[in-house]
Protein backbone atom coordinates (compact mmCIF):
# COMPACT_ATOMS: atom_id res chain seq x y z
CA MET A 1 119.91 129.99 105.01
CA LYS A 2 117.14 130.47 102.50
CA ALA A 3 117.59 129.51 98.85
CA LEU A 4 115.67 130.58 95.78
CA ILE A 5 115.36 127.88 93.10
CA LEU A 6 114.35 128.85 89.56
CA SER A 7 113.39 125.99 87.26
CA GLY A 8 113.67 125.81 83.48
CA GLY A 9 110.77 126.53 81.17
CA SER A 10 111.99 128.14 77.91
CA THR A 11 109.93 131.25 76.99
CA ARG A 12 107.65 130.55 79.94
CA GLY A 13 110.61 131.57 82.12
CA SER A 14 109.19 135.09 82.00
CA MET A 15 106.61 133.91 84.57
CA GLN A 16 109.41 133.88 87.13
CA VAL A 17 109.84 137.63 86.67
CA GLY A 18 106.29 138.24 87.86
CA ALA A 19 106.75 135.71 90.66
CA LEU A 20 109.93 137.44 91.88
CA LYS A 21 108.13 140.78 91.90
CA ALA A 22 105.38 139.31 94.09
CA LEU A 23 107.87 137.71 96.50
CA LEU A 24 109.90 140.88 96.96
CA GLU A 25 106.75 142.94 97.54
CA GLU A 26 105.97 140.53 100.40
CA GLY A 27 109.38 141.14 101.93
CA PHE A 28 111.07 137.86 100.96
CA SER A 29 114.87 137.84 100.84
CA PHE A 30 117.34 135.09 99.97
CA ASP A 31 120.85 133.96 100.82
CA MET A 32 121.55 132.03 97.61
CA VAL A 33 120.11 131.35 94.16
CA VAL A 34 120.01 128.13 92.15
CA GLY A 35 118.98 128.45 88.50
CA VAL A 36 118.29 125.77 85.90
CA SER A 37 118.10 126.24 82.12
CA ILE A 38 116.20 129.50 81.45
CA GLY A 39 116.11 129.90 85.23
CA SER A 40 119.88 130.30 85.07
CA ILE A 41 119.50 133.63 83.23
CA ASN A 42 116.86 134.84 85.67
CA GLY A 43 118.92 133.53 88.57
CA ILE A 44 122.14 135.26 87.55
CA TYR A 45 120.40 138.58 87.09
CA PHE A 46 118.57 138.26 90.41
CA ALA A 47 121.78 137.28 92.23
CA TYR A 48 123.40 140.39 90.74
CA LYS A 49 120.63 142.73 91.89
CA PRO A 50 118.15 141.00 94.29
CA THR A 51 115.81 143.98 94.51
CA LEU A 52 112.58 145.17 92.92
CA GLU A 53 114.64 147.53 90.79
CA GLY A 54 116.71 144.57 89.58
CA VAL A 55 113.58 142.56 88.77
CA LYS A 56 112.21 145.49 86.77
CA GLU A 57 115.46 145.58 84.78
CA LEU A 58 115.11 141.85 84.13
CA GLU A 59 111.52 142.43 83.02
CA ARG A 60 112.71 144.99 80.46
CA ILE A 61 115.18 142.44 79.06
CA TRP A 62 112.39 139.88 78.69
CA LEU A 63 110.00 142.33 77.06
CA LYS A 64 112.47 143.21 74.31
CA MET A 65 113.49 139.58 73.66
CA ARG A 66 112.48 138.13 70.31
CA LYS A 67 112.74 134.71 68.64
CA GLU A 68 115.55 136.05 66.44
CA ASP A 69 117.62 136.72 69.56
CA VAL A 70 117.64 132.99 70.29
CA VAL A 71 116.88 131.08 67.08
CA PRO A 72 117.21 133.08 63.87
CA GLU A 73 117.10 129.95 61.73
CA GLY A 74 113.84 128.57 60.36
CA ARG A 75 112.52 125.05 59.97
CA PHE A 76 114.32 124.45 56.67
CA LYS A 77 117.69 125.19 58.26
CA ALA A 78 116.80 122.85 61.11
CA PHE A 79 115.85 120.14 58.60
CA PHE A 80 119.20 120.42 56.81
CA ARG A 81 121.03 120.28 60.13
CA LEU A 82 119.05 117.14 60.96
CA ILE A 83 119.86 115.30 57.72
CA GLY A 84 123.43 116.62 57.93
CA ASN A 85 123.85 114.75 61.24
CA ARG A 86 124.67 117.91 63.21
CA THR A 87 124.60 117.82 67.01
CA SER A 88 121.48 119.98 67.21
CA LEU A 89 118.56 121.33 65.20
CA PHE A 90 119.64 124.93 65.83
CA SER A 91 122.89 126.77 66.27
CA ASN A 92 123.53 128.48 69.61
CA ARG A 93 125.38 131.45 68.10
CA ALA A 94 122.47 133.88 68.43
CA LEU A 95 121.74 132.77 71.99
CA TYR A 96 125.42 133.21 72.85
CA ARG A 97 125.40 136.80 71.54
CA PHE A 98 122.24 137.56 73.49
CA VAL A 99 123.68 136.13 76.72
CA VAL A 100 126.96 138.02 76.35
CA GLU A 101 125.07 141.28 75.79
CA SER A 102 122.59 140.69 78.63
CA VAL A 103 124.51 139.31 81.61
CA PRO A 104 125.69 142.00 84.03
CA VAL A 105 128.92 140.30 85.24
CA LYS A 106 131.63 137.97 83.94
CA LYS A 107 132.40 135.77 86.97
CA PHE A 108 130.29 134.24 89.73
CA GLY A 109 132.41 135.94 92.37
CA GLU A 110 131.08 139.32 91.20
CA LEU A 111 127.47 138.51 92.14
CA LYS A 112 125.87 139.96 95.28
CA LEU A 113 124.32 136.59 96.24
CA PRO A 114 125.97 133.19 95.85
CA ALA A 115 124.53 131.56 92.73
CA TYR A 116 124.73 127.97 91.50
CA ILE A 117 123.89 126.63 88.06
CA PRO A 118 123.95 122.88 87.32
CA ALA A 119 124.69 121.30 83.96
CA LEU A 120 125.02 117.60 83.13
CA ASP A 121 128.26 116.24 81.65
CA ILE A 122 127.22 113.63 79.07
CA LYS A 123 130.75 112.19 79.04
CA SER A 124 130.79 111.21 82.71
CA GLY A 125 127.10 111.38 83.61
CA GLU A 126 128.01 113.68 86.51
CA VAL A 127 126.57 117.08 87.31
CA TYR A 128 128.86 120.10 87.26
CA VAL A 129 127.74 122.99 89.44
CA PHE A 130 128.88 126.37 88.19
CA GLY A 131 129.38 128.82 91.04
CA ASP A 132 131.23 126.53 93.43
CA ASP A 133 134.30 128.16 91.91
CA PRO A 134 133.88 131.96 92.08
CA LEU A 135 136.03 132.23 88.94
CA ASP A 136 133.57 130.21 86.85
CA PRO A 137 132.42 132.31 83.85
CA VAL A 138 128.75 133.27 83.98
CA VAL A 139 128.30 133.00 80.20
CA ASP A 140 129.62 129.43 80.12
CA ALA A 141 127.24 128.48 82.92
CA ILE A 142 124.18 129.84 81.13
CA MET A 143 125.16 128.36 77.77
CA ALA A 144 125.70 124.95 79.38
CA SER A 145 122.50 124.95 81.43
CA THR A 146 120.37 126.01 78.45
CA ALA A 147 121.89 123.46 76.04
CA LEU A 148 118.69 121.45 75.63
CA PRO A 149 119.05 118.51 73.21
CA PRO A 150 118.15 118.19 70.39
CA TYR A 151 117.42 121.90 69.97
CA PHE A 152 120.78 123.35 71.04
CA PRO A 153 124.23 121.73 70.95
CA PRO A 154 126.12 120.69 74.10
CA TRP A 155 128.48 123.26 75.58
CA LYS A 156 132.14 122.33 76.11
CA TYR A 157 133.86 123.53 79.27
CA LYS A 158 136.99 122.22 81.04
CA GLY A 159 136.95 119.05 78.94
CA MET A 160 133.30 118.34 79.76
CA VAL A 161 130.41 118.13 77.27
CA LEU A 162 127.54 119.80 79.12
CA VAL A 163 123.79 119.81 78.51
CA ASP A 164 120.71 121.40 80.11
CA GLY A 165 120.70 121.36 83.91
CA GLY A 166 117.11 120.11 83.87
CA PHE A 167 118.44 116.65 83.05
CA TYR A 168 119.92 116.67 86.56
CA SER A 169 116.72 118.19 87.96
CA ASN A 170 114.47 121.14 87.25
CA ILE A 171 114.23 121.74 91.02
CA PRO A 172 117.65 120.77 92.43
CA TYR A 173 116.93 120.81 96.16
CA ARG A 174 120.09 118.79 96.81
CA ILE A 175 122.35 121.48 95.36
CA ALA A 176 120.81 124.10 97.66
CA ALA A 177 120.86 121.85 100.74
CA GLU A 178 124.46 120.74 100.24
CA ARG A 179 125.46 124.39 100.18
CA GLY A 180 123.80 125.20 103.48
CA ALA A 181 120.17 125.96 102.68
CA LYS A 182 117.63 125.05 105.36
CA GLU A 183 114.68 126.73 103.61
CA VAL A 184 113.83 126.85 99.92
CA VAL A 185 111.43 128.84 97.78
CA ALA A 186 111.02 126.97 94.48
CA LEU A 187 109.51 128.64 91.42
CA HIS A 188 108.61 125.67 89.22
CA ILE A 189 107.31 126.35 85.72
CA ARG A 190 104.98 123.52 84.75
CA GLY A 191 102.73 122.66 81.85
CA GLY A 192 103.19 122.86 78.13
CA ARG A 193 101.60 121.36 75.06
CA SER A 194 99.31 118.42 75.76
CA PHE A 195 100.25 115.05 74.31
CA ASP A 196 96.78 114.50 72.84
CA ASP A 197 97.04 117.67 70.77
CA GLU A 198 100.46 116.74 69.41
CA VAL A 199 100.23 112.95 69.19
CA TYR A 200 100.99 112.92 65.46
CA SER A 201 103.80 115.45 65.71
CA MET A 202 107.44 114.41 66.17
CA TYR A 203 107.95 117.63 68.14
CA GLY A 204 105.00 116.78 70.39
CA VAL A 205 106.26 113.27 71.11
CA LEU A 206 109.76 114.59 71.80
CA SER A 207 108.50 117.35 74.07
CA LYS A 208 106.32 114.94 76.02
CA THR A 209 109.18 112.45 76.42
CA ILE A 210 111.57 115.13 77.68
CA GLY A 211 108.84 116.42 80.00
CA LEU A 212 108.32 112.99 81.55
CA LEU A 213 112.06 112.60 82.09
CA LEU A 214 112.29 115.99 83.78
CA ASP A 215 109.26 115.19 85.97
CA ALA A 216 110.96 111.98 87.14
CA LYS A 217 114.07 113.94 88.10
CA VAL A 218 111.93 116.42 90.05
CA LYS A 219 110.33 113.55 92.01
CA GLU A 220 113.80 112.30 92.99
CA GLN A 221 114.67 115.73 94.37
CA GLU A 222 111.34 116.03 96.20
CA LYS A 223 112.08 112.73 97.96
CA PHE A 224 115.51 114.05 98.94
CA ALA A 225 113.98 117.26 100.35
CA GLU A 226 111.48 115.25 102.38
CA GLU A 227 114.15 112.92 103.78
CA ARG A 228 116.41 115.89 104.57
CA HIS A 229 113.49 117.74 106.29
CA LEU A 230 114.13 120.72 104.06
CA LYS A 231 111.58 123.46 104.60
CA VAL A 232 110.10 124.07 101.15
CA PHE A 233 107.73 126.75 99.89
CA TYR A 234 106.82 125.31 96.49
CA ILE A 235 105.20 127.68 93.99
CA PRO A 236 103.95 126.04 90.77
CA LEU A 237 103.70 128.39 87.82
CA ASP A 238 101.25 127.17 85.18
CA PRO A 239 101.09 128.99 81.82
CA PRO A 240 97.50 130.09 81.10
CA PHE A 241 97.81 128.84 77.50
CA ASN A 242 99.94 126.60 75.30
CA ILE A 243 103.03 128.31 73.96
CA SER A 244 105.99 127.05 71.97
CA MET A 245 109.49 127.25 73.40
CA PHE A 246 110.50 129.98 70.94
CA ASP A 247 107.38 132.17 71.10
CA PHE A 248 108.11 135.52 72.79
CA SER A 249 104.86 137.21 71.76
CA HIS A 250 103.10 136.62 75.10
CA THR A 251 105.81 137.73 77.53
CA GLU A 252 103.77 140.48 79.17
CA GLU A 253 100.83 138.10 79.76
CA LEU A 254 103.12 135.44 81.22
CA ILE A 255 104.79 137.91 83.59
CA ARG A 256 101.37 139.00 84.80
CA ALA A 257 100.25 135.37 85.23
CA GLY A 258 103.39 134.59 87.25
CA TYR A 259 102.71 137.57 89.50
CA GLU A 260 99.03 136.67 90.07
CA GLN A 261 99.72 132.97 90.70
CA THR A 262 102.45 133.80 93.20
CA LYS A 263 100.19 136.26 95.01
CA LYS A 264 97.62 133.47 95.41
CA ALA A 265 100.32 131.07 96.61
CA LEU A 266 101.43 133.66 99.18
CA LEU A 267 97.89 133.95 100.51
CA ARG A 268 97.80 130.17 101.06
CA TYR A 269 101.29 130.33 102.59
CA HIS A 270 100.28 132.97 105.14
CA LYS A 271 97.06 131.13 106.03
CA GLU A 272 99.02 127.92 106.67
CA ARG A 273 101.53 129.79 108.83
CA GLU A 274 98.75 131.45 110.85
CA LYS A 275 97.07 128.10 111.29
CA GLY A 276 100.33 126.52 112.44
CA GLU A 277 101.09 129.34 114.84
CA GLY A 278 97.57 129.07 116.24
CA LEU A 279 97.98 125.36 116.90
CA PHE A 280 101.38 126.02 118.49
CA SER A 281 99.88 128.65 120.82
CA LYS A 282 97.15 126.22 121.87
CA PHE A 283 99.77 123.55 122.51
CA LYS A 284 101.81 125.95 124.67
CA SER A 285 98.73 126.90 126.65
CA TRP A 286 97.89 123.23 127.20
CA ILE A 287 101.43 122.46 128.37
CA GLY A 288 101.35 125.48 130.69
CA SER A 289 98.07 124.37 132.24
CA LEU A 290 99.62 121.04 133.22
CA PHE A 291 102.10 122.81 135.51
CA ARG A 292 99.75 125.29 137.15
């Protein structure tokens, strides 16, 4: 079985749209999808319609998305929420409305491909994987996996208090492997604001700290994949410029960058496969010559 893993990455998640377009043009297909944070939205839509037509529909959703669809409040509202000891800097009401209006199905069992979305329960410290139960609501899964502290509040579901799935791992190889995957294509959105540029900013320090934590979780999963001998095609997606997590003004450029970077990764992938097949053919010839 081949799994598609879509990492988090806030507004940079649009890069995955271009990457998916490139993969489908090359004839890639998948047996399951695992989505984290913003990758959960992309993952649900792809699992619903895993075709080029479906990716184009997802692209249209991204292109019409605006900051107001996610965070209508400004900095002053965030400041008052901070001094008022609220659970987050921003409300998730606008994001909830956007998700409800955008998702194509209500339950996981309605998707064409099996899909799995992790979120971390801060009460127990355990990961909950939406999608193991086909009756899990898709909206709850997305709201839980995108609940990134301190920006958005935790999402309550079945007595759990759930936060962003990236705190389990941005590339959860284990979730895919434990559900039968032998091969994985991972679209990992990397990069962001540099620490040097933001060293005197509270936002910069916070972003860097969260980034380091997420990187550590990714390393844990990479070690698991190596020990499990999971066949991984890892595609890093690096934004061509710094962009804030609520800036939707560069979506078209990011989609194009995701497409171009994936095309280059595919060229390397095919060269490595040809090289491996060539070595295998030579090995077979050598073995055959021993028995002539």
